[in-house]
């Protein structure tokens, strides 16, 4: 181990992961299975194959194999932007005057501007290998839609993206990147699908939600021959692909003899947080090491901290399977003033189970405090962070300031999912002092939860 940790720790291509890590294999309490809403019974592989690619269905249902080999074609694609750097935030530490050591895994060094490409290329690869014509999907702030459009362009697949309407309107340049890569993009809810028209009739003027966009994308996939639906977060398969983040981070830290005490990630559907913490969680579950894990979610959409752990629809239009997760109710409509993409009503079944088992903790933060942290980070670390991962920055700074008060020399690790250069309207609102915080009332959440299925 060197006397001074480098600002940036890079792995060589030879140190890239050759397999994804499946944390479910080490979980004592497995995530509850997806249920068919018609029968109330666990979904079979055959039922799921009408919506998802065959190989992805296998990954979705696999809770026994700890390691799933990464196909050579995907590993070759990863080399275009991986390994991603692990950065020691020396300048932030100095600014805060903290004895804590702060590290972040930076996933913004690709054109999609986020970690989403790690799963997008995998899902596009399996769709192409199955001989499909194309795929449909939803996107919130646009990072997933951008990543999938890139991946589909690489494999010459048609890509149809339903983008949450408020983000479609707030982030015009993000949608232009998606179009540049050849995808068709539609603001959701729209009048192009039956479920979209139904949602518009029930919620006139709505800015939409990820739940709405998922419903439309699933309908579009099932009504077109040779198409399947792919998802950028929440599902087991997506968290599996994202473990390249945590595996690289663990290898880099082990290389320099670094052990994180606290690991922090933003949480909307769970792909970034799950990808970062899974390999470390595996060590904790096997009794090899101990860590503190913190999921950070927006106060405007607080599924872990204020939701219920029940079976619920994954989408607003009720066309998807039921998942047992921490949820605010599938008909919960997040406030349109929230500037980030963490607008999903539920949480990954894997993370929900880990949270219920008290293996991770959760905190909700208001967006003005999130952007204050983002600004502070940008001014000293030289990266304009995405609003989503700025939630993790907020809590990382809070933890570092606690160390300043107590004198503890903790090692803090957080995930920096990407950059915020397509989020300048949000930064403008913060800089102009017009950004506001919205926290749903107990009554609003209760009304939405009252409509969850009685399983």
Protein backbone atom coordinates (compact mmCIF):
# COMPACT_ATOMS: atom_id res chain seq x y z
CA UNK A 1 0.00 0.00 0.00
CA UNK A 2 1.39 3.45 -0.95
CA UNK A 3 1.82 6.23 1.62
CA UNK A 4 -0.57 8.46 -0.32
CA UNK A 5 -3.64 7.22 -2.15
CA UNK A 6 -3.76 8.60 -5.73
CA UNK A 7 -6.45 11.11 -6.60
CA UNK A 8 -7.80 8.62 -9.12
CA UNK A 9 -7.42 4.86 -8.94
CA UNK A 10 -7.75 3.11 -12.28
CA UNK A 11 -7.77 -0.60 -12.87
CA UNK A 12 -6.24 -2.16 -15.97
CA UNK A 13 -8.38 -3.83 -18.62
CA UNK A 14 -7.17 -7.17 -17.29
CA UNK A 15 -8.73 -6.35 -13.91
CA UNK A 16 -12.21 -5.76 -15.31
CA UNK A 17 -14.88 -8.14 -13.93
CA UNK A 18 -15.54 -11.21 -16.05
CA UNK A 19 -18.75 -12.06 -14.18
CA UNK A 20 -21.60 -10.13 -12.59
CA UNK A 21 -22.27 -10.79 -8.91
CA UNK A 22 -25.74 -12.01 -7.89
CA UNK A 23 -26.25 -10.92 -4.26
CA UNK A 24 -29.43 -13.01 -3.99
CA UNK A 25 -27.29 -16.13 -3.82
CA UNK A 26 -25.92 -14.98 -0.45
CA UNK A 27 -29.15 -13.53 0.93
CA UNK A 28 -30.69 -15.62 3.71
CA UNK A 29 -34.09 -14.07 3.01
CA UNK A 30 -34.56 -14.08 -0.75
CA UNK A 31 -36.58 -11.32 -2.43
CA UNK A 32 -40.21 -12.33 -2.83
CA UNK A 33 -41.10 -13.59 -6.34
CA UNK A 34 -42.94 -11.56 -8.95
CA UNK A 35 -46.62 -12.48 -9.04
CA UNK A 36 -49.01 -12.81 -11.95
CA UNK A 37 -51.72 -10.23 -11.13
CA UNK A 38 -54.37 -12.46 -12.70
CA UNK A 39 -53.62 -15.66 -10.78
CA UNK A 40 -51.76 -14.30 -7.73
CA UNK A 41 -49.15 -17.02 -8.28
CA UNK A 42 -45.39 -16.57 -8.93
CA UNK A 43 -44.68 -15.63 -12.54
CA UNK A 44 -43.25 -18.43 -14.64
CA UNK A 45 -40.41 -18.03 -17.11
CA UNK A 46 -42.89 -18.57 -19.94
CA UNK A 47 -45.15 -15.77 -18.71
CA UNK A 48 -42.25 -13.34 -18.32
CA UNK A 49 -40.85 -14.24 -21.77
CA UNK A 50 -43.81 -12.52 -23.42
CA UNK A 51 -42.46 -9.22 -22.03
CA UNK A 52 -38.72 -9.72 -21.50
CA UNK A 53 -35.89 -11.34 -23.48
CA UNK A 54 -35.42 -15.03 -22.75
CA UNK A 55 -31.91 -14.80 -21.26
CA UNK A 56 -32.92 -11.82 -19.12
CA UNK A 57 -35.83 -13.85 -17.74
CA UNK A 58 -33.33 -16.51 -16.62
CA UNK A 59 -31.27 -13.86 -14.88
CA UNK A 60 -34.37 -12.35 -13.30
CA UNK A 61 -35.36 -15.66 -11.71
CA UNK A 62 -31.87 -16.87 -10.74
CA UNK A 63 -31.36 -16.56 -6.99
CA UNK A 64 -28.83 -19.39 -6.57
CA UNK A 65 -25.79 -18.65 -8.77
CA UNK A 66 -23.47 -16.11 -7.16
CA UNK A 67 -21.67 -15.28 -10.40
CA UNK A 68 -23.09 -14.92 -13.92
CA UNK A 69 -20.45 -14.80 -16.68
CA UNK A 70 -20.39 -11.58 -18.73
CA UNK A 71 -20.42 -12.43 -22.47
CA UNK A 72 -17.25 -11.48 -24.36
CA UNK A 73 -19.12 -9.02 -26.62
CA UNK A 74 -20.37 -7.07 -23.59
CA UNK A 75 -16.94 -7.05 -21.95
CA UNK A 76 -15.44 -5.69 -25.17
CA UNK A 77 -18.03 -2.90 -25.21
CA UNK A 78 -17.34 -2.13 -21.54
CA UNK A 79 -13.70 -1.46 -22.43
CA UNK A 80 -14.76 1.68 -24.34
CA UNK A 81 -15.50 3.44 -21.03
CA UNK A 82 -14.52 1.03 -18.28
CA UNK A 83 -12.85 0.68 -15.88
CA UNK A 84 -14.36 3.80 -14.32
CA UNK A 85 -12.21 5.75 -11.87
CA UNK A 86 -12.41 5.57 -8.11
CA UNK A 87 -11.63 9.10 -6.93
CA UNK A 88 -10.32 10.32 -3.58
CA UNK A 89 -12.12 13.61 -2.87
CA UNK A 90 -9.11 15.33 -1.33
CA UNK A 91 -10.36 18.82 -2.22
CA UNK A 92 -13.78 18.21 -0.68
CA UNK A 93 -12.18 16.80 2.47
CA UNK A 94 -10.03 19.93 2.78
CA UNK A 95 -12.99 22.25 2.21
CA UNK A 96 -15.06 20.49 4.87
CA UNK A 97 -12.16 20.31 7.32
CA UNK A 98 -13.06 16.72 8.09
CA UNK A 99 -10.80 13.88 9.24
CA UNK A 100 -12.95 11.54 7.12
CA UNK A 101 -11.60 10.07 3.93
CA UNK A 102 -14.09 10.45 1.07
CA UNK A 103 -14.11 8.38 -2.12
CA UNK A 104 -16.52 8.33 -5.02
CA UNK A 105 -16.94 5.92 -7.91
CA UNK A 106 -17.49 8.08 -11.00
CA UNK A 107 -19.79 6.61 -13.67
CA UNK A 108 -20.13 9.70 -15.87
CA UNK A 109 -17.31 9.10 -18.33
CA UNK A 110 -19.46 7.92 -21.24
CA UNK A 111 -21.81 9.77 -23.58
CA UNK A 112 -24.92 8.63 -21.74
CA UNK A 113 -23.54 10.53 -18.76
CA UNK A 114 -24.44 7.84 -16.24
CA UNK A 115 -24.09 4.27 -15.01
CA UNK A 116 -27.10 3.18 -17.07
CA UNK A 117 -25.03 2.02 -20.03
CA UNK A 118 -23.75 -0.95 -17.96
CA UNK A 119 -27.15 -2.63 -18.19
CA UNK A 120 -28.34 -1.09 -21.47
CA UNK A 121 -25.62 -2.78 -23.49
CA UNK A 122 -26.32 -6.11 -21.80
CA UNK A 123 -30.05 -5.97 -22.47
CA UNK A 124 -29.54 -4.85 -26.08
CA UNK A 125 -27.04 -7.69 -26.59
CA UNK A 126 -29.51 -10.32 -25.39
CA UNK A 127 -32.29 -8.82 -27.54
CA UNK A 128 -30.06 -8.97 -30.60
CA UNK A 129 -28.93 -12.51 -29.79
CA UNK A 130 -32.59 -13.55 -29.63
CA UNK A 131 -33.17 -12.13 -33.11
CA UNK A 132 -35.58 -9.39 -32.06
CA UNK A 133 -36.40 -6.34 -34.16
CA UNK A 134 -36.32 -3.87 -31.32
CA UNK A 135 -37.13 -2.94 -27.74
CA UNK A 136 -39.31 -0.47 -25.87
CA UNK A 137 -38.59 1.26 -22.60
CA UNK A 138 -39.36 4.18 -20.30
CA UNK A 139 -37.02 6.86 -19.02
CA UNK A 140 -37.29 9.43 -16.24
CA UNK A 141 -34.67 12.15 -16.40
CA UNK A 142 -33.35 10.62 -19.62
CA UNK A 143 -30.12 8.87 -18.66
CA UNK A 144 -31.58 5.40 -19.24
CA UNK A 145 -33.19 6.39 -22.52
CA UNK A 146 -29.88 7.84 -23.69
CA UNK A 147 -27.96 4.74 -22.66
CA UNK A 148 -30.41 2.35 -24.31
CA UNK A 149 -30.52 4.37 -27.53
CA UNK A 150 -26.72 4.14 -27.67
CA UNK A 151 -26.74 0.40 -27.03
CA UNK A 152 -29.47 -0.26 -29.61
CA UNK A 153 -27.63 1.82 -32.18
CA UNK A 154 -24.53 -0.32 -31.58
CA UNK A 155 -26.49 -3.53 -32.25
CA UNK A 156 -28.72 -2.04 -34.99
CA UNK A 157 -31.95 -2.50 -33.00
CA UNK A 158 -35.04 -0.30 -33.12
CA UNK A 159 -35.52 1.61 -29.86
CA UNK A 160 -38.76 3.23 -28.67
CA UNK A 161 -38.56 5.40 -25.55
CA UNK A 162 -41.44 6.73 -23.43
CA UNK A 163 -40.07 9.66 -21.43
CA UNK A 164 -41.81 11.06 -18.34
CA UNK A 165 -43.55 14.16 -19.70
CA UNK A 166 -42.24 16.64 -17.13
CA UNK A 167 -38.65 15.53 -17.87
CA UNK A 168 -39.33 15.56 -21.61
CA UNK A 169 -40.27 19.22 -21.24
CA UNK A 170 -37.56 20.15 -18.71
CA UNK A 171 -34.69 18.43 -20.52
CA UNK A 172 -35.00 19.11 -24.28
CA UNK A 173 -31.34 18.47 -24.98
CA UNK A 174 -31.42 15.07 -23.30
CA UNK A 175 -34.20 13.99 -25.65
CA UNK A 176 -32.19 15.30 -28.62
CA UNK A 177 -29.27 13.07 -27.67
CA UNK A 178 -31.71 10.14 -27.60
CA UNK A 179 -32.96 11.08 -31.05
CA UNK A 180 -29.40 11.50 -32.32
CA UNK A 181 -28.77 7.86 -31.53
CA UNK A 182 -31.79 6.91 -33.62
CA UNK A 183 -34.47 6.18 -31.02
CA UNK A 184 -38.08 7.29 -31.23
CA UNK A 185 -39.11 9.25 -28.12
CA UNK A 186 -42.64 9.95 -26.88
CA UNK A 187 -43.65 12.07 -23.84
CA UNK A 188 -45.62 9.97 -21.35
CA UNK A 189 -48.47 9.67 -20.67
CA UNK A 190 -49.43 9.91 -24.33
CA UNK A 191 -52.42 9.24 -26.53
CA UNK A 192 -50.50 6.61 -28.52
CA UNK A 193 -51.43 3.73 -26.18
CA UNK A 194 -54.63 2.56 -24.54
CA UNK A 195 -53.12 2.81 -21.06
CA UNK A 196 -51.77 6.27 -21.82
CA UNK A 197 -55.19 7.53 -22.84
CA UNK A 198 -56.69 6.01 -19.69
CA UNK A 199 -54.12 7.73 -17.45
CA UNK A 200 -54.66 11.07 -19.20
CA UNK A 201 -58.39 10.77 -18.64
CA UNK A 202 -57.91 10.00 -14.93
CA UNK A 203 -55.12 12.54 -14.34
CA UNK A 204 -55.65 15.37 -16.84
CA UNK A 205 -52.64 17.64 -17.20
CA UNK A 206 -50.33 15.26 -15.32
CA UNK A 207 -46.58 15.53 -15.77
CA UNK A 208 -46.42 11.75 -15.68
CA UNK A 209 -44.31 9.32 -13.69
CA UNK A 210 -42.05 6.36 -14.31
CA UNK A 211 -45.01 4.12 -13.49
CA UNK A 212 -47.01 5.69 -16.33
CA UNK A 213 -44.14 5.43 -18.81
CA UNK A 214 -43.53 1.78 -17.91
CA UNK A 215 -47.17 0.94 -18.63
CA UNK A 216 -46.97 2.51 -22.07
CA UNK A 217 -43.67 0.87 -22.93
CA UNK A 218 -44.91 -2.58 -21.90
CA UNK A 219 -48.10 -2.18 -23.96
CA UNK A 220 -46.09 -1.05 -26.97
CA UNK A 221 -43.77 -4.07 -26.69
CA UNK A 222 -46.53 -6.66 -26.34
CA UNK A 223 -48.47 -5.27 -29.32
CA UNK A 224 -45.55 -5.37 -31.76
CA UNK A 225 -44.19 -8.65 -33.10
CA UNK A 226 -40.47 -9.07 -32.54
CA UNK A 227 -40.26 -6.55 -29.68
CA UNK A 228 -39.58 -6.90 -25.97
CA UNK A 229 -39.62 -4.48 -23.06
CA UNK A 230 -36.40 -3.58 -21.22
CA UNK A 231 -36.07 -1.70 -17.93
CA UNK A 232 -33.35 0.57 -16.55
CA UNK A 233 -33.79 -0.08 -12.84
CA UNK A 234 -35.75 -1.99 -10.18
CA UNK A 235 -35.54 -5.52 -11.63
CA UNK A 236 -33.09 -8.16 -10.39
CA UNK A 237 -31.44 -8.45 -13.80
CA UNK A 238 -30.63 -4.72 -13.86
CA UNK A 239 -29.03 -4.72 -10.41
CA UNK A 240 -27.04 -7.76 -11.53
CA UNK A 241 -25.54 -5.93 -14.54
CA UNK A 242 -24.76 -2.87 -12.45
CA UNK A 243 -22.56 -4.87 -10.08
CA UNK A 244 -19.64 -4.06 -12.39
CA UNK A 245 -19.62 -0.80 -10.39
CA UNK A 246 -19.21 -2.44 -7.00
CA UNK A 247 -16.86 -5.16 -8.26
CA UNK A 248 -14.49 -2.60 -9.78
CA UNK A 249 -14.69 -0.47 -6.65
CA UNK A 250 -13.94 -3.42 -4.38
CA UNK A 251 -10.96 -4.48 -6.49
CA UNK A 252 -9.55 -0.94 -6.50
CA UNK A 253 -9.99 -0.50 -2.75
CA UNK A 254 -8.52 -3.92 -1.97
CA UNK A 255 -5.54 -3.04 -4.16
CA UNK A 256 -4.68 -0.12 -1.87
CA UNK A 257 -5.79 -1.68 1.39
CA UNK A 258 -8.79 0.64 1.77
CA UNK A 259 -11.89 -0.49 3.69
CA UNK A 260 -14.98 1.74 3.51
CA UNK A 261 -16.89 2.23 6.74
CA UNK A 262 -19.93 3.87 5.14
CA UNK A 263 -21.23 3.22 1.59
CA UNK A 264 -23.82 5.66 0.23
CA UNK A 265 -25.93 5.71 -2.92
CA UNK A 266 -28.95 7.51 -4.30
CA UNK A 267 -32.08 5.37 -4.52
CA UNK A 268 -34.96 5.73 -6.94
CA UNK A 269 -35.58 2.26 -8.33
CA UNK A 270 -32.29 0.94 -6.98
CA UNK A 271 -29.95 0.20 -9.89
CA UNK A 272 -27.10 2.52 -8.88
CA UNK A 273 -27.25 1.78 -5.15
CA UNK A 274 -27.66 -1.95 -5.74
CA UNK A 275 -24.81 -2.06 -8.23
CA UNK A 276 -22.44 -0.28 -5.88
CA UNK A 277 -23.22 -2.09 -2.64
CA UNK A 278 -23.97 -5.66 -3.78
CA UNK A 279 -20.40 -7.07 -3.71
CA UNK A 280 -19.75 -5.38 -0.35
CA UNK A 281 -23.12 -6.65 0.92
CA UNK A 282 -22.03 -10.13 -0.12
CA UNK A 283 -19.04 -9.87 2.17
CA UNK A 284 -21.28 -8.67 4.98
CA UNK A 285 -23.76 -11.50 4.45
CA UNK A 286 -20.97 -14.07 4.43
CA UNK A 287 -19.52 -12.62 7.64
CA UNK A 288 -16.28 -11.53 5.99
CA UNK A 289 -16.55 -7.79 6.72
CA UNK A 290 -18.98 -5.20 8.03
CA UNK A 291 -20.14 -1.95 6.47
CA UNK A 292 -22.81 0.68 6.99
CA UNK A 293 -25.02 1.11 3.90
CA UNK A 294 -27.17 4.23 3.38
CA UNK A 295 -29.84 4.60 0.68
CA UNK A 296 -30.69 8.24 -0.05
CA UNK A 297 -34.03 9.09 -1.64
CA UNK A 298 -35.89 12.32 -2.40
CA UNK A 299 -38.28 13.63 0.24
CA UNK A 300 -40.79 14.14 -2.58
CA UNK A 301 -40.84 10.41 -3.43
CA UNK A 302 -39.85 8.57 -0.21
CA UNK A 303 -40.68 4.92 -0.90
CA UNK A 304 -38.29 3.38 1.66
CA UNK A 305 -38.71 5.90 4.47
CA UNK A 306 -42.47 6.39 4.20
CA UNK A 307 -43.79 3.60 2.01
CA UNK A 308 -45.22 0.20 2.90
CA UNK A 309 -43.59 -3.19 2.26
CA UNK A 310 -46.33 -4.89 0.25
CA UNK A 311 -47.04 -6.41 -3.13
CA UNK A 312 -47.79 -3.69 -5.65
CA UNK A 313 -47.94 -3.14 -9.38
CA UNK A 314 -44.66 -2.05 -10.93
CA UNK A 315 -46.54 0.38 -13.15
CA UNK A 316 -49.42 2.85 -12.96
CA UNK A 317 -51.47 1.17 -15.69
CA UNK A 318 -51.41 -2.22 -13.93
CA UNK A 319 -50.13 -4.21 -16.91
CA UNK A 320 -46.93 -5.45 -15.21
CA UNK A 321 -46.41 -8.22 -12.65
CA UNK A 322 -46.74 -7.53 -8.94
CA UNK A 323 -43.55 -7.06 -6.94
CA UNK A 324 -43.14 -7.10 -3.17
CA UNK A 325 -41.34 -3.87 -2.43
CA UNK A 326 -41.39 -0.71 -0.41
CA UNK A 327 -43.91 1.37 -2.30
CA UNK A 328 -45.95 4.56 -2.15
CA UNK A 329 -48.62 2.94 -4.33
CA UNK A 330 -48.52 2.52 -8.09
CA UNK A 331 -50.85 5.49 -8.60
CA UNK A 332 -48.65 7.87 -6.59
CA UNK A 333 -47.80 10.87 -8.76
CA UNK A 334 -44.52 12.52 -7.68
CA UNK A 335 -44.38 16.29 -7.59
CA UNK A 336 -43.42 17.72 -11.03
CA UNK A 337 -41.13 20.25 -9.33
CA UNK A 338 -38.67 17.51 -8.37
CA UNK A 339 -35.60 18.08 -10.54
CA UNK A 340 -34.07 14.60 -10.56
CA UNK A 341 -35.00 11.25 -12.03
CA UNK A 342 -35.72 9.45 -8.75
CA UNK A 343 -39.46 9.53 -9.35
CA UNK A 344 -40.37 5.86 -9.11
CA UNK A 345 -43.12 4.88 -6.65
CA UNK A 346 -41.39 1.69 -5.50
CA UNK A 347 -37.99 0.18 -4.78
CA UNK A 348 -36.09 -2.85 -6.03
CA UNK A 349 -37.26 -6.08 -4.40
CA UNK A 350 -33.65 -6.89 -3.53
CA UNK A 351 -33.06 -3.58 -1.77
CA UNK A 352 -36.50 -3.71 -0.17
CA UNK A 353 -35.70 -7.09 1.38
CA UNK A 354 -32.28 -5.91 2.58
CA UNK A 355 -33.87 -2.80 4.08
CA UNK A 356 -36.58 -4.83 5.78
CA UNK A 357 -33.86 -7.09 7.20
CA UNK A 358 -32.20 -3.93 8.57
CA UNK A 359 -29.04 -4.53 6.56
CA UNK A 360 -29.24 -1.05 5.03
CA UNK A 361 -30.67 2.21 6.31
CA UNK A 362 -32.51 4.90 4.36
CA UNK A 363 -32.71 8.68 4.51
CA UNK A 364 -34.82 11.15 2.56
CA UNK A 365 -33.53 14.60 1.67
CA UNK A 366 -35.13 17.75 0.25
CA UNK A 367 -33.99 18.93 -3.14
CA UNK A 368 -32.80 22.42 -2.15
CA UNK A 369 -30.35 20.81 0.27
CA UNK A 370 -29.39 18.33 -2.47
CA UNK A 371 -28.54 21.12 -4.90
CA UNK A 372 -26.64 22.99 -2.21
CA UNK A 373 -24.46 19.90 -1.81
CA UNK A 374 -24.13 19.53 -5.58
CA UNK A 375 -22.95 23.12 -5.87
CA UNK A 376 -20.43 22.71 -3.05
CA UNK A 377 -19.10 19.52 -4.65
CA UNK A 378 -18.86 21.08 -8.13
CA UNK A 379 -16.91 24.07 -6.84
CA UNK A 380 -14.16 21.98 -5.26
CA UNK A 381 -14.11 18.68 -7.17
CA UNK A 382 -14.56 20.03 -10.71
CA UNK A 383 -17.50 17.83 -11.73
CA UNK A 384 -21.06 19.10 -12.16
CA UNK A 385 -22.98 16.17 -10.65
CA UNK A 386 -26.32 14.78 -11.77
CA UNK A 387 -29.23 15.67 -9.44
CA UNK A 388 -29.81 11.98 -8.70
CA UNK A 389 -26.34 11.23 -7.35
CA UNK A 390 -26.28 14.62 -5.62
CA UNK A 391 -28.60 12.98 -3.09
CA UNK A 392 -25.68 10.72 -2.19
CA UNK A 393 -23.33 13.71 -2.09
CA UNK A 394 -25.65 15.42 0.40
CA UNK A 395 -25.46 12.53 2.86
CA UNK A 396 -21.74 11.95 2.24
CA UNK A 397 -21.09 15.57 3.24
CA UNK A 398 -23.37 15.19 6.26
CA UNK A 399 -21.46 12.08 7.37
CA UNK A 400 -18.11 13.82 6.85
CA UNK A 401 -19.27 16.77 8.96
CA UNK A 402 -20.30 14.38 11.73
CA UNK A 403 -16.73 13.05 11.67
CA UNK A 404 -15.51 16.63 12.01
CA UNK A 405 -17.58 17.00 15.17
CA UNK A 406 -16.56 13.65 16.70
CA UNK A 407 -13.01 13.39 15.38
CA UNK A 408 -13.70 9.97 13.84
CA UNK A 409 -11.57 9.10 10.81
CA UNK A 410 -14.20 7.16 8.88
CA UNK A 411 -13.78 6.15 5.25
CA UNK A 412 -16.83 7.20 3.23
CA UNK A 413 -17.63 5.84 -0.23
CA UNK A 414 -20.45 7.06 -2.46
CA UNK A 415 -21.60 6.53 -6.01
CA UNK A 416 -21.46 9.45 -8.45
CA UNK A 417 -23.77 8.13 -11.13
CA UNK A 418 -23.08 10.79 -13.71
CA UNK A 419 -22.96 14.42 -14.77
CA UNK A 420 -25.63 17.11 -14.66
CA UNK A 421 -25.01 19.03 -17.87
CA UNK A 422 -28.52 18.27 -19.16
CA UNK A 423 -30.04 19.45 -15.88
CA UNK A 424 -29.23 23.15 -16.18
CA UNK A 425 -32.86 24.27 -15.84
CA UNK A 426 -32.81 22.70 -12.38
CA UNK A 427 -29.50 24.35 -11.53
CA UNK A 428 -30.92 27.63 -12.82
CA UNK A 429 -33.93 27.31 -10.51
CA UNK A 430 -31.60 26.68 -7.58
CA UNK A 431 -29.32 29.58 -8.46
CA UNK A 432 -32.30 31.91 -8.98
CA UNK A 433 -33.80 30.93 -5.64
CA UNK A 434 -37.01 29.69 -7.27
CA UNK A 435 -36.50 26.00 -6.46
CA UNK A 436 -38.93 24.75 -3.84
CA UNK A 437 -39.26 21.63 -1.72
CA UNK A 438 -42.34 19.47 -1.80
CA UNK A 439 -43.03 16.73 0.72
CA UNK A 440 -46.19 14.64 0.22
CA UNK A 441 -48.61 14.58 3.11
CA UNK A 442 -49.45 11.44 5.05
CA UNK A 443 -52.95 11.65 3.61
CA UNK A 444 -51.68 11.69 0.02
CA UNK A 445 -49.49 8.65 0.60
CA UNK A 446 -52.25 6.82 2.49
CA UNK A 447 -54.73 7.44 -0.34
CA UNK A 448 -52.31 5.95 -2.86
CA UNK A 449 -51.39 2.99 -0.67
CA UNK A 450 -55.07 2.22 -0.10
CA UNK A 451 -55.25 1.18 -3.76
CA UNK A 452 -52.49 -1.44 -3.56
CA UNK A 453 -53.59 -5.04 -4.25
CA UNK A 454 -54.71 -7.07 -1.27
CA UNK A 455 -52.28 -9.99 -1.42
